[in-house]
Amino acid sequence: MRGARLPDDCAAYRRLGPFTTATLPPGLLRAHALKPGCCGLATIAAGHIGIVWEDAPDRSIRLGAGDNIVIAPERRHHIAVDGEFTLEIGLNRQSESAVVESAAAKA
């Protein structure tokens, strides 16, 4: 998934990592989700990982060096590890209007 793009209304606010097999926080291996209004951009610098969507566990995505993936707000997922890797995660806030629209669509 090279070149995945964040929505235009996102602004970076935090960077996590780089993480390796030895430094990956255990919570990323368990089901979790980003908070409302927060999009993630996971970038694989080396090796491979899997992203498993909890709402579609049979459709995991394997990512390799140079790949990235956008993690949508509130979508439960976890990372699957099958070897050495280097991973960085950028956290991005959506505009207030996008968050309000998303909440209204769910109501």
PDB file of N, CA and C in Angstrom:
ATOM      1  N   MET A   1       0.838  -1.182   0.000  1.00  0.00           N
ATOM      2  CA  MET A   1       0.000   0.000   0.000  1.00  0.00           C
ATOM      3  C   MET A   1       0.883   1.245   0.000  1.00  0.00           C
ATOM      4  N   ARG A   2       1.731   1.343  -0.933  1.00  0.00           N
ATOM      5  CA  ARG A   2       2.608   2.512  -1.005  1.00  0.00           C
ATOM      6  C   ARG A   2       1.793   3.760  -1.286  1.00  0.00           C
ATOM      7  N   GLY A   3       2.174   4.837  -0.630  1.00  0.00           N
ATOM      8  CA  GLY A   3       1.578   6.124  -0.941  1.00  0.00           C
ATOM      9  C   GLY A   3       0.185   6.358  -0.400  1.00  0.00           C
ATOM     10  N   ALA A   4      -0.235   5.631   0.639  1.00  0.00           N
ATOM     11  CA  ALA A   4      -1.547   5.902   1.233  1.00  0.00           C
ATOM     12  C   ALA A   4      -1.576   7.347   1.714  1.00  0.00           C
ATOM     13  N   ARG A   5      -2.718   8.004   1.530  1.00  0.00           N
ATOM     14  CA  ARG A   5      -2.815   9.429   1.881  1.00  0.00           C
ATOM     15  C   ARG A   5      -3.840   9.662   2.966  1.00  0.00           C
ATOM     16  N   LEU A   6      -3.478  10.565   3.868  1.00  0.00           N
ATOM     17  CA  LEU A   6      -4.417  11.004   4.896  1.00  0.00           C
ATOM     18  C   LEU A   6      -5.458  11.912   4.270  1.00  0.00           C
ATOM     19  N   PRO A   7      -6.631  12.034   4.883  1.00  0.00           N
ATOM     20  CA  PRO A   7      -7.604  13.024   4.408  1.00  0.00           C
ATOM     21  C   PRO A   7      -6.978  14.426   4.426  1.00  0.00           C
ATOM     22  N   ASP A   8      -7.417  15.280   3.523  1.00  0.00           N
ATOM     23  CA  ASP A   8      -6.857  16.630   3.413  1.00  0.00           C
ATOM     24  C   ASP A   8      -7.042  17.467   4.669  1.00  0.00           C
ATOM     25  N   ASP A   9      -8.033  17.131   5.492  1.00  0.00           N
ATOM     26  CA  ASP A   9      -8.333  17.952   6.668  1.00  0.00           C
ATOM     27  C   ASP A   9      -7.559  17.519   7.916  1.00  0.00           C
ATOM     28  N   CYS A  10      -6.489  16.751   7.764  1.00  0.00           N
ATOM     29  CA  CYS A  10      -5.708  16.271   8.904  1.00  0.00           C
ATOM     30  C   CYS A  10      -4.441  17.094   9.101  1.00  0.00           C
ATOM     31  N   ALA A  11      -4.066  17.256  10.367  1.00  0.00           N
ATOM     32  CA  ALA A  11      -2.823  17.944  10.722  1.00  0.00           C
ATOM     33  C   ALA A  11      -2.052  17.076  11.714  1.00  0.00           C
ATOM     34  N   ALA A  12      -0.762  16.866  11.452  1.00  0.00           N
ATOM     35  CA  ALA A  12       0.076  16.039  12.323  1.00  0.00           C
ATOM     36  C   ALA A  12       0.189  16.663  13.707  1.00  0.00           C
ATOM     37  N   TYR A  13       0.126  15.802  14.745  1.00  0.00           N
ATOM     38  CA  TYR A  13       0.333  16.311  16.101  1.00  0.00           C
ATOM     39  C   TYR A  13       1.268  15.444  16.938  1.00  0.00           C
ATOM     40  N   ARG A  14       1.568  14.214  16.504  1.00  0.00           N
ATOM     41  CA  ARG A  14       2.467  13.375  17.287  1.00  0.00           C
ATOM     42  C   ARG A  14       3.062  12.288  16.408  1.00  0.00           C
ATOM     43  N   ARG A  15       4.307  11.928  16.695  1.00  0.00           N
ATOM     44  CA  ARG A  15       4.993  10.858  15.982  1.00  0.00           C
ATOM     45  C   ARG A  15       5.430   9.821  17.009  1.00  0.00           C
ATOM     46  N   LEU A  16       5.175   8.549  16.720  1.00  0.00           N
ATOM     47  CA  LEU A  16       5.546   7.449  17.604  1.00  0.00           C
ATOM     48  C   LEU A  16       6.553   6.552  16.899  1.00  0.00           C
ATOM     49  N   GLY A  17       7.555   6.102  17.633  1.00  0.00           N
ATOM     50  CA  GLY A  17       8.572   5.232  17.059  1.00  0.00           C
ATOM     51  C   GLY A  17       9.804   6.007  16.679  1.00  0.00           C
ATOM     52  N   PRO A  18      10.693   5.386  15.970  1.00  0.00           N
ATOM     53  CA  PRO A  18      10.515   4.080  15.321  1.00  0.00           C
ATOM     54  C   PRO A  18      10.496   2.935  16.335  1.00  0.00           C
ATOM     55  N   PHE A  19       9.673   1.936  16.004  1.00  0.00           N
ATOM     56  CA  PHE A  19       9.570   0.731  16.808  1.00  0.00           C
ATOM     57  C   PHE A  19      10.183  -0.431  16.040  1.00  0.00           C
ATOM     58  N   THR A  20      10.731  -1.375  16.782  1.00  0.00           N
ATOM     59  CA  THR A  20      11.257  -2.619  16.222  1.00  0.00           C
ATOM     60  C   THR A  20      10.578  -3.773  16.954  1.00  0.00           C
ATOM     61  N   THR A  21      10.951  -4.983  16.597  1.00  0.00           N
ATOM     62  CA  THR A  21      10.417  -6.148  17.290  1.00  0.00           C
ATOM     63  C   THR A  21      10.656  -6.036  18.794  1.00  0.00           C
ATOM     64  N   ALA A  22      11.808  -5.513  19.176  1.00  0.00           N
ATOM     65  CA  ALA A  22      12.171  -5.416  20.594  1.00  0.00           C
ATOM     66  C   ALA A  22      11.486  -4.265  21.323  1.00  0.00           C
ATOM     67  N   THR A  23      11.052  -3.227  20.596  1.00  0.00           N
ATOM     68  CA  THR A  23      10.537  -2.024  21.271  1.00  0.00           C
ATOM     69  C   THR A  23       9.055  -1.752  21.035  1.00  0.00           C
ATOM     70  N   LEU A  24       8.386  -2.578  20.252  1.00  0.00           N
ATOM     71  CA  LEU A  24       6.966  -2.354  19.973  1.00  0.00           C
ATOM     72  C   LEU A  24       6.153  -2.467  21.259  1.00  0.00           C
ATOM     73  N   PRO A  25       5.354  -1.447  21.594  1.00  0.00           N
ATOM     74  CA  PRO A  25       4.517  -1.544  22.790  1.00  0.00           C
ATOM     75  C   PRO A  25       3.531  -2.718  22.661  1.00  0.00           C
ATOM     76  N   PRO A  26       3.409  -3.539  23.709  1.00  0.00           N
ATOM     77  CA  PRO A  26       2.528  -4.714  23.640  1.00  0.00           C
ATOM     78  C   PRO A  26       1.080  -4.377  23.303  1.00  0.00           C
ATOM     79  N   GLY A  27       0.621  -3.192  23.676  1.00  0.00           N
ATOM     80  CA  GLY A  27      -0.759  -2.810  23.388  1.00  0.00           C
ATOM     81  C   GLY A  27      -1.077  -2.756  21.907  1.00  0.00           C
ATOM     82  N   LEU A  28      -0.057  -2.554  21.063  1.00  0.00           N
ATOM     83  CA  LEU A  28      -0.297  -2.506  19.618  1.00  0.00           C
ATOM     84  C   LEU A  28      -0.539  -3.896  19.035  1.00  0.00           C
ATOM     85  N   LEU A  29      -0.210  -4.932  19.812  1.00  0.00           N
ATOM     86  CA  LEU A  29      -0.459  -6.304  19.379  1.00  0.00           C
ATOM     87  C   LEU A  29      -1.861  -6.777  19.762  1.00  0.00           C
ATOM     88  N   ARG A  30      -2.557  -5.981  20.570  1.00  0.00           N
ATOM     89  CA  ARG A  30      -3.933  -6.283  20.979  1.00  0.00           C
ATOM     90  C   ARG A  30      -4.887  -5.324  20.269  1.00  0.00           C
ATOM     91  N   ALA A  31      -6.141  -5.697  20.218  1.00  0.00           N
ATOM     92  CA  ALA A  31      -7.148  -4.849  19.571  1.00  0.00           C
ATOM     93  C   ALA A  31      -7.188  -3.480  20.242  1.00  0.00           C
ATOM     94  N   HIS A  32      -7.148  -2.452  19.424  1.00  0.00           N
ATOM     95  CA  HIS A  32      -7.225  -1.072  19.904  1.00  0.00           C
ATOM     96  C   HIS A  32      -7.752  -0.209  18.767  1.00  0.00           C
ATOM     97  N   ALA A  33      -8.081   1.029  19.080  1.00  0.00           N
ATOM     98  CA  ALA A  33      -8.586   1.962  18.067  1.00  0.00           C
ATOM     99  C   ALA A  33      -8.108   3.362  18.404  1.00  0.00           C
ATOM    100  N   LEU A  34      -7.995   4.179  17.392  1.00  0.00           N
ATOM    101  CA  LEU A  34      -7.674   5.587  17.595  1.00  0.00           C
ATOM    102  C   LEU A  34      -8.934   6.317  18.038  1.00  0.00           C
ATOM    103  N   LYS A  35      -8.748   7.376  18.776  1.00  0.00           N
ATOM    104  CA  LYS A  35      -9.890   8.130  19.293  1.00  0.00           C
ATOM    105  C   LYS A  35     -10.606   8.871  18.161  1.00  0.00           C
ATOM    106  N   PRO A  36     -11.837   9.296  18.387  1.00  0.00           N
ATOM    107  CA  PRO A  36     -12.560  10.066  17.370  1.00  0.00           C
ATOM    108  C   PRO A  36     -11.742  11.286  16.942  1.00  0.00           C
ATOM    109  N   GLY A  37     -11.711  11.526  15.650  1.00  0.00           N
ATOM    110  CA  GLY A  37     -11.001  12.685  15.127  1.00  0.00           C
ATOM    111  C   GLY A  37      -9.514  12.498  14.941  1.00  0.00           C
ATOM    112  N   CYS A  38      -9.006  11.288  15.184  1.00  0.00           N
ATOM    113  CA  CYS A  38      -7.570  11.018  15.052  1.00  0.00           C
ATOM    114  C   CYS A  38      -7.348   9.955  13.980  1.00  0.00           C
ATOM    115  N   CYS A  39      -6.552  10.288  12.970  1.00  0.00           N
ATOM    116  CA  CYS A  39      -6.151   9.332  11.939  1.00  0.00           C
ATOM    117  C   CYS A  39      -4.691   8.974  12.164  1.00  0.00           C
ATOM    118  N   GLY A  40      -4.349   7.734  11.900  1.00  0.00           N
ATOM    119  CA  GLY A  40      -2.961   7.313  12.000  1.00  0.00           C
ATOM    120  C   GLY A  40      -2.389   7.044  10.624  1.00  0.00           C
ATOM    121  N   LEU A  41      -1.081   7.213  10.502  1.00  0.00           N
ATOM    122  CA  LEU A  41      -0.378   6.830   9.284  1.00  0.00           C
ATOM    123  C   LEU A  41       0.796   5.968   9.717  1.00  0.00           C
ATOM    124  N   ALA A  42       0.681   4.658   9.491  1.00  0.00           N
ATOM    125  CA  ALA A  42       1.737   3.715   9.847  1.00  0.00           C
ATOM    126  C   ALA A  42       2.641   3.535   8.634  1.00  0.00           C
ATOM    127  N   THR A  43       3.950   3.690   8.847  1.00  0.00           N
ATOM    128  CA  THR A  43       4.933   3.578   7.775  1.00  0.00           C
ATOM    129  C   THR A  43       5.953   2.507   8.144  1.00  0.00           C
ATOM    130  N   ILE A  44       6.160   1.561   7.237  1.00  0.00           N
ATOM    131  CA  ILE A  44       7.109   0.482   7.462  1.00  0.00           C
ATOM    132  C   ILE A  44       8.429   0.874   6.807  1.00  0.00           C
ATOM    133  N   ALA A  45       9.477   1.007   7.623  1.00  0.00           N
ATOM    134  CA  ALA A  45      10.793   1.381   7.103  1.00  0.00           C
ATOM    135  C   ALA A  45      11.609   0.152   6.707  1.00  0.00           C
ATOM    136  N   ALA A  46      11.383  -0.972   7.395  1.00  0.00           N
ATOM    137  CA  ALA A  46      12.129  -2.198   7.103  1.00  0.00           C
ATOM    138  C   ALA A  46      11.305  -3.396   7.552  1.00  0.00           C
ATOM    139  N   GLY A  47      11.512  -4.525   6.902  1.00  0.00           N
ATOM    140  CA  GLY A  47      10.819  -5.748   7.276  1.00  0.00           C
ATOM    141  C   GLY A  47       9.365  -5.758   6.858  1.00  0.00           C
ATOM    142  N   HIS A  48       8.555  -6.524   7.593  1.00  0.00           N
ATOM    143  CA  HIS A  48       7.129  -6.681   7.292  1.00  0.00           C
ATOM    144  C   HIS A  48       6.324  -6.726   8.581  1.00  0.00           C
ATOM    145  N   ILE A  49       5.076  -6.263   8.510  1.00  0.00           N
ATOM    146  CA  ILE A  49       4.091  -6.443   9.581  1.00  0.00           C
ATOM    147  C   ILE A  49       2.750  -6.729   8.922  1.00  0.00           C
ATOM    148  N   GLY A  50       1.809  -7.139   9.728  1.00  0.00           N
ATOM    149  CA  GLY A  50       0.432  -7.271   9.266  1.00  0.00           C
ATOM    150  C   GLY A  50      -0.452  -6.326  10.056  1.00  0.00           C
ATOM    151  N   ILE A  51      -1.470  -5.798   9.408  1.00  0.00           N
ATOM    152  CA  ILE A  51      -2.517  -5.032  10.077  1.00  0.00           C
ATOM    153  C   ILE A  51      -3.774  -5.888   9.984  1.00  0.00           C
ATOM    154  N   VAL A  52      -4.380  -6.172  11.122  1.00  0.00           N
ATOM    155  CA  VAL A  52      -5.587  -6.990  11.165  1.00  0.00           C
ATOM    156  C   VAL A  52      -6.732  -6.108  11.641  1.00  0.00           C
ATOM    157  N   TRP A  53      -7.748  -5.957  10.802  1.00  0.00           N
ATOM    158  CA  TRP A  53      -8.940  -5.185  11.164  1.00  0.00           C
ATOM    159  C   TRP A  53      -9.849  -6.099  11.959  1.00  0.00           C
ATOM    160  N   GLU A  54     -10.281  -5.668  13.129  1.00  0.00           N
ATOM    161  CA  GLU A  54     -11.127  -6.504  13.979  1.00  0.00           C
ATOM    162  C   GLU A  54     -12.488  -6.769  13.344  1.00  0.00           C
ATOM    163  N   ASP A  55     -12.960  -5.871  12.464  1.00  0.00           N
ATOM    164  CA  ASP A  55     -14.249  -6.085  11.799  1.00  0.00           C
ATOM    165  C   ASP A  55     -14.125  -6.959  10.554  1.00  0.00           C
ATOM    166  N   ALA A  56     -12.914  -7.337  10.191  1.00  0.00           N
ATOM    167  CA  ALA A  56     -12.681  -8.200   9.030  1.00  0.00           C
ATOM    168  C   ALA A  56     -11.379  -8.980   9.238  1.00  0.00           C
ATOM    169  N   PRO A  57     -11.300  -9.818  10.287  1.00  0.00           N
ATOM    170  CA  PRO A  57     -10.038 -10.470  10.628  1.00  0.00           C
ATOM    171  C   PRO A  57      -9.493 -11.395   9.550  1.00  0.00           C
ATOM    172  N   ASP A  58     -10.344 -11.843   8.635  1.00  0.00           N
ATOM    173  CA  ASP A  58      -9.877 -12.709   7.556  1.00  0.00           C
ATOM    174  C   ASP A  58      -9.242 -11.922   6.413  1.00  0.00           C
ATOM    175  N   ARG A  59      -9.247 -10.596   6.512  1.00  0.00           N
ATOM    176  CA  ARG A  59      -8.661  -9.764   5.450  1.00  0.00           C
ATOM    177  C   ARG A  59      -7.528  -8.906   6.012  1.00  0.00           C
ATOM    178  N   SER A  60      -6.553  -9.551   6.621  1.00  0.00           N
ATOM    179  CA  SER A  60      -5.417  -8.796   7.137  1.00  0.00           C
ATOM    180  C   SER A  60      -4.593  -8.279   5.953  1.00  0.00           C
ATOM    181  N   ILE A  61      -3.851  -7.227   6.214  1.00  0.00           N
ATOM    182  CA  ILE A  61      -3.041  -6.590   5.177  1.00  0.00           C
ATOM    183  C   ILE A  61      -1.583  -6.739   5.561  1.00  0.00           C
ATOM    184  N   ARG A  62      -0.780  -7.261   4.655  1.00  0.00           N
ATOM    185  CA  ARG A  62       0.662  -7.402   4.894  1.00  0.00           C
ATOM    186  C   ARG A  62       1.360  -6.194   4.285  1.00  0.00           C
ATOM    187  N   LEU A  63       2.174  -5.540   5.097  1.00  0.00           N
ATOM    188  CA  LEU A  63       2.902  -4.354   4.664  1.00  0.00           C
ATOM    189  C   LEU A  63       4.395  -4.613   4.746  1.00  0.00           C
ATOM    190  N   GLY A  64       5.127  -4.126   3.745  1.00  0.00           N
ATOM    191  CA  GLY A  64       6.575  -4.284   3.719  1.00  0.00           C
ATOM    192  C   GLY A  64       7.280  -2.946   3.655  1.00  0.00           C
ATOM    193  N   ALA A  65       8.586  -2.996   3.643  1.00  0.00           N
ATOM    194  CA  ALA A  65       9.407  -1.783   3.621  1.00  0.00           C
ATOM    195  C   ALA A  65       8.945  -0.844   2.510  1.00  0.00           C
ATOM    196  N   GLY A  66       8.730   0.416   2.874  1.00  0.00           N
ATOM    197  CA  GLY A  66       8.274   1.420   1.926  1.00  0.00           C
ATOM    198  C   GLY A  66       6.767   1.581   1.871  1.00  0.00           C
ATOM    199  N   ASP A  67       6.035   0.663   2.491  1.00  0.00           N
ATOM    200  CA  ASP A  67       4.569   0.747   2.505  1.00  0.00           C
ATOM    201  C   ASP A  67       4.090   1.601   3.670  1.00  0.00           C
ATOM    202  N   ASN A  68       2.901   2.156   3.507  1.00  0.00           N
ATOM    203  CA  ASN A  68       2.228   2.821   4.625  1.00  0.00           C
ATOM    204  C   ASN A  68       0.734   2.575   4.503  1.00  0.00           C
ATOM    205  N   ILE A  69       0.031   2.833   5.601  1.00  0.00           N
ATOM    206  CA  ILE A  69      -1.410   2.622   5.622  1.00  0.00           C
ATOM    207  C   ILE A  69      -2.047   3.655   6.539  1.00  0.00           C
ATOM    208  N   VAL A  70      -3.207   4.140   6.133  1.00  0.00           N
ATOM    209  CA  VAL A  70      -3.971   5.077   6.955  1.00  0.00           C
ATOM    210  C   VAL A  70      -4.877   4.266   7.877  1.00  0.00           C
ATOM    211  N   ILE A  71      -4.847   4.617   9.150  1.00  0.00           N
ATOM    212  CA  ILE A  71      -5.708   3.994  10.154  1.00  0.00           C
ATOM    213  C   ILE A  71      -6.812   4.995  10.479  1.00  0.00           C
ATOM    214  N   ALA A  72      -8.040   4.636  10.191  1.00  0.00           N
ATOM    215  CA  ALA A  72      -9.177   5.542  10.399  1.00  0.00           C
ATOM    216  C   ALA A  72      -9.520   5.660  11.882  1.00  0.00           C
ATOM    217  N   PRO A  73     -10.106   6.787  12.269  1.00  0.00           N
ATOM    218  CA  PRO A  73     -10.537   6.953  13.659  1.00  0.00           C
ATOM    219  C   PRO A  73     -11.519   5.848  14.060  1.00  0.00           C
ATOM    220  N   GLU A  74     -11.342   5.329  15.253  1.00  0.00           N
ATOM    221  CA  GLU A  74     -12.272   4.383  15.875  1.00  0.00           C
ATOM    222  C   GLU A  74     -12.348   3.009  15.215  1.00  0.00           C
ATOM    223  N   ARG A  75     -11.542   2.724  14.201  1.00  0.00           N
ATOM    224  CA  ARG A  75     -11.572   1.395  13.591  1.00  0.00           C
ATOM    225  C   ARG A  75     -10.629   0.480  14.366  1.00  0.00           C
ATOM    226  N   ARG A  76     -11.200  -0.543  14.995  1.00  0.00           N
ATOM    227  CA  ARG A  76     -10.406  -1.445  15.830  1.00  0.00           C
ATOM    228  C   ARG A  76      -9.509  -2.321  14.956  1.00  0.00           C
ATOM    229  N   HIS A  77      -8.274  -2.463  15.418  1.00  0.00           N
ATOM    230  CA  HIS A  77      -7.266  -3.194  14.663  1.00  0.00           C
ATOM    231  C   HIS A  77      -6.154  -3.637  15.614  1.00  0.00           C
ATOM    232  N   HIS A  78      -5.256  -4.462  15.114  1.00  0.00           N
ATOM    233  CA  HIS A  78      -4.029  -4.780  15.842  1.00  0.00           C
ATOM    234  C   HIS A  78      -2.938  -5.116  14.835  1.00  0.00           C
ATOM    235  N   ILE A  79      -1.709  -5.093  15.332  1.00  0.00           N
ATOM    236  CA  ILE A  79      -0.553  -5.411  14.496  1.00  0.00           C
ATOM    237  C   ILE A  79      -0.202  -6.876  14.683  1.00  0.00           C
ATOM    238  N   ALA A  80       0.122  -7.548  13.582  1.00  0.00           N
ATOM    239  CA  ALA A  80       0.604  -8.926  13.604  1.00  0.00           C
ATOM    240  C   ALA A  80       2.072  -8.908  13.178  1.00  0.00           C
ATOM    241  N   VAL A  81       2.910  -9.532  13.972  1.00  0.00           N
ATOM    242  CA  VAL A  81       4.353  -9.527  13.732  1.00  0.00           C
ATOM    243  C   VAL A  81       4.794 -10.920  13.317  1.00  0.00           C
ATOM    244  N   ASP A  82       5.616 -10.986  12.259  1.00  0.00           N
ATOM    245  CA  ASP A  82       6.131 -12.286  11.825  1.00  0.00           C
ATOM    246  C   ASP A  82       7.626 -12.241  11.532  1.00  0.00           C
ATOM    247  N   GLY A  83       8.322 -11.297  12.128  1.00  0.00           N
ATOM    248  CA  GLY A  83       9.761 -11.175  11.918  1.00  0.00           C
ATOM    249  C   GLY A  83      10.226  -9.779  12.287  1.00  0.00           C
ATOM    250  N   GLU A  84      11.449  -9.479  11.917  1.00  0.00           N
ATOM    251  CA  GLU A  84      12.030  -8.170  12.226  1.00  0.00           C
ATOM    252  C   GLU A  84      11.380  -7.076  11.380  1.00  0.00           C
ATOM    253  N   PHE A  85      11.267  -5.883  11.946  1.00  0.00           N
ATOM    254  CA  PHE A  85      10.673  -4.750  11.236  1.00  0.00           C
ATOM    255  C   PHE A  85      11.089  -3.451  11.915  1.00  0.00           C
ATOM    256  N   THR A  86      10.854  -2.358  11.218  1.00  0.00           N
ATOM    257  CA  THR A  86      10.935  -1.012  11.787  1.00  0.00           C
ATOM    258  C   THR A  86       9.680  -0.284  11.342  1.00  0.00           C
ATOM    259  N   LEU A  87       8.966   0.293  12.307  1.00  0.00           N
ATOM    260  CA  LEU A  87       7.663   0.912  12.084  1.00  0.00           C
ATOM    261  C   LEU A  87       7.615   2.279  12.749  1.00  0.00           C
ATOM    262  N   GLU A  88       7.070   3.255  12.049  1.00  0.00           N
ATOM    263  CA  GLU A  88       6.788   4.566  12.629  1.00  0.00           C
ATOM    264  C   GLU A  88       5.306   4.851  12.455  1.00  0.00           C
ATOM    265  N   ILE A  89       4.735   5.560  13.424  1.00  0.00           N
ATOM    266  CA  ILE A  89       3.313   5.892  13.381  1.00  0.00           C
ATOM    267  C   ILE A  89       3.149   7.387  13.584  1.00  0.00           C
ATOM    268  N   GLY A  90       2.461   8.020  12.659  1.00  0.00           N
ATOM    269  CA  GLY A  90       2.132   9.434  12.800  1.00  0.00           C
ATOM    270  C   GLY A  90       0.676   9.570  13.199  1.00  0.00           C
ATOM    271  N   LEU A  91       0.412  10.406  14.198  1.00  0.00           N
ATOM    272  CA  LEU A  91      -0.964  10.676  14.614  1.00  0.00           C
ATOM    273  C   LEU A  91      -1.366  12.048  14.103  1.00  0.00           C
ATOM    274  N   ASN A  92      -2.575  12.131  13.579  1.00  0.00           N
ATOM    275  CA  ASN A  92      -3.053  13.332  12.895  1.00  0.00           C
ATOM    276  C   ASN A  92      -4.469  13.648  13.335  1.00  0.00           C
ATOM    277  N   ARG A  93      -4.734  14.912  13.611  1.00  0.00           N
ATOM    278  CA  ARG A  93      -6.076  15.351  14.010  1.00  0.00           C
ATOM    279  C   ARG A  93      -6.854  15.798  12.786  1.00  0.00           C
ATOM    280  N   GLN A  94      -8.102  15.361  12.728  1.00  0.00           N
ATOM    281  CA  GLN A  94      -9.000  15.851  11.691  1.00  0.00           C
ATOM    282  C   GLN A  94      -9.549  17.205  12.126  1.00  0.00           C
ATOM    283  N   SER A  95      -9.999  17.981  11.151  1.00  0.00           N
ATOM    284  CA  SER A  95     -10.619  19.268  11.472  1.00  0.00           C
ATOM    285  C   SER A  95     -11.878  19.030  12.298  1.00  0.00           C
ATOM    286  N   GLU A  96     -12.271  20.025  13.077  1.00  0.00           N
ATOM    287  CA  GLU A  96     -13.462  19.912  13.926  1.00  0.00           C
ATOM    288  C   GLU A  96     -14.705  19.609  13.096  1.00  0.00           C
ATOM    289  N   SER A  97     -14.823  20.205  11.919  1.00  0.00           N
ATOM    290  CA  SER A  97     -16.009  19.969  11.089  1.00  0.00           C
ATOM    291  C   SER A  97     -16.074  18.515  10.625  1.00  0.00           C
ATOM    292  N   ALA A  98     -14.924  17.899  10.341  1.00  0.00           N
ATOM    293  CA  ALA A  98     -14.913  16.497   9.923  1.00  0.00           C
ATOM    294  C   ALA A  98     -15.342  15.588  11.067  1.00  0.00           C
ATOM    295  N   VAL A  99     -14.930  15.916  12.288  1.00  0.00           N
ATOM    296  CA  VAL A  99     -15.310  15.116  13.449  1.00  0.00           C
ATOM    297  C   VAL A  99     -16.813  15.214  13.688  1.00  0.00           C
ATOM    298  N   VAL A 100     -17.372  16.407  13.572  1.00  0.00           N
ATOM    299  CA  VAL A 100     -18.810  16.611  13.758  1.00  0.00           C
ATOM    300  C   VAL A 100     -19.591  15.855  12.685  1.00  0.00           C
ATOM    301  N   GLU A 101     -19.138  15.920  11.430  1.00  0.00           N
ATOM    302  CA  GLU A 101     -19.809  15.208  10.338  1.00  0.00           C
ATOM    303  C   GLU A 101     -19.785  13.703  10.576  1.00  0.00           C
ATOM    304  N   SER A 102     -18.651  13.187  11.039  1.00  0.00           N
ATOM    305  CA  SER A 102     -18.522  11.758  11.300  1.00  0.00           C
ATOM    306  C   SER A 102     -19.467  11.322  12.415  1.00  0.00           C
ATOM    307  N   ALA A 103     -19.551  12.107  13.474  1.00  0.00           N
ATOM    308  CA  ALA A 103     -20.448  11.782  14.587  1.00  0.00           C
ATOM    309  C   ALA A 103     -21.905  11.820  14.138  1.00  0.00           C
ATOM    310  N   ALA A 104     -22.256  12.787  13.310  1.00  0.00           N
ATOM    311  CA  ALA A 104     -23.633  12.901  12.818  1.00  0.00           C
ATOM    312  C   ALA A 104     -23.994  11.710  11.933  1.00  0.00           C
ATOM    313  N   ALA A 105     -23.039  11.242  11.139  1.00  0.00           N
ATOM    314  CA  ALA A 105     -23.298  10.111  10.253  1.00  0.00           C
ATOM    315  C   ALA A 105     -23.543   8.830  11.041  1.00  0.00           C
ATOM    316  N   LYS A 106     -22.940   8.715  12.216  1.00  0.00           N
ATOM    317  CA  LYS A 106     -23.110   7.521  13.044  1.00  0.00           C
ATOM    318  C   LYS A 106     -24.406   7.547  13.834  1.00  0.00           C
ATOM    319  N   ALA A 107     -24.973   8.731  14.020  1.00  0.00           N
ATOM    320  CA  ALA A 107     -26.191   8.870  14.846  1.00  0.00           C
ATOM    321  C   ALA A 107     -27.428   8.386  14.120  1.00  0.00           C
TER     322      ALA A 107
END
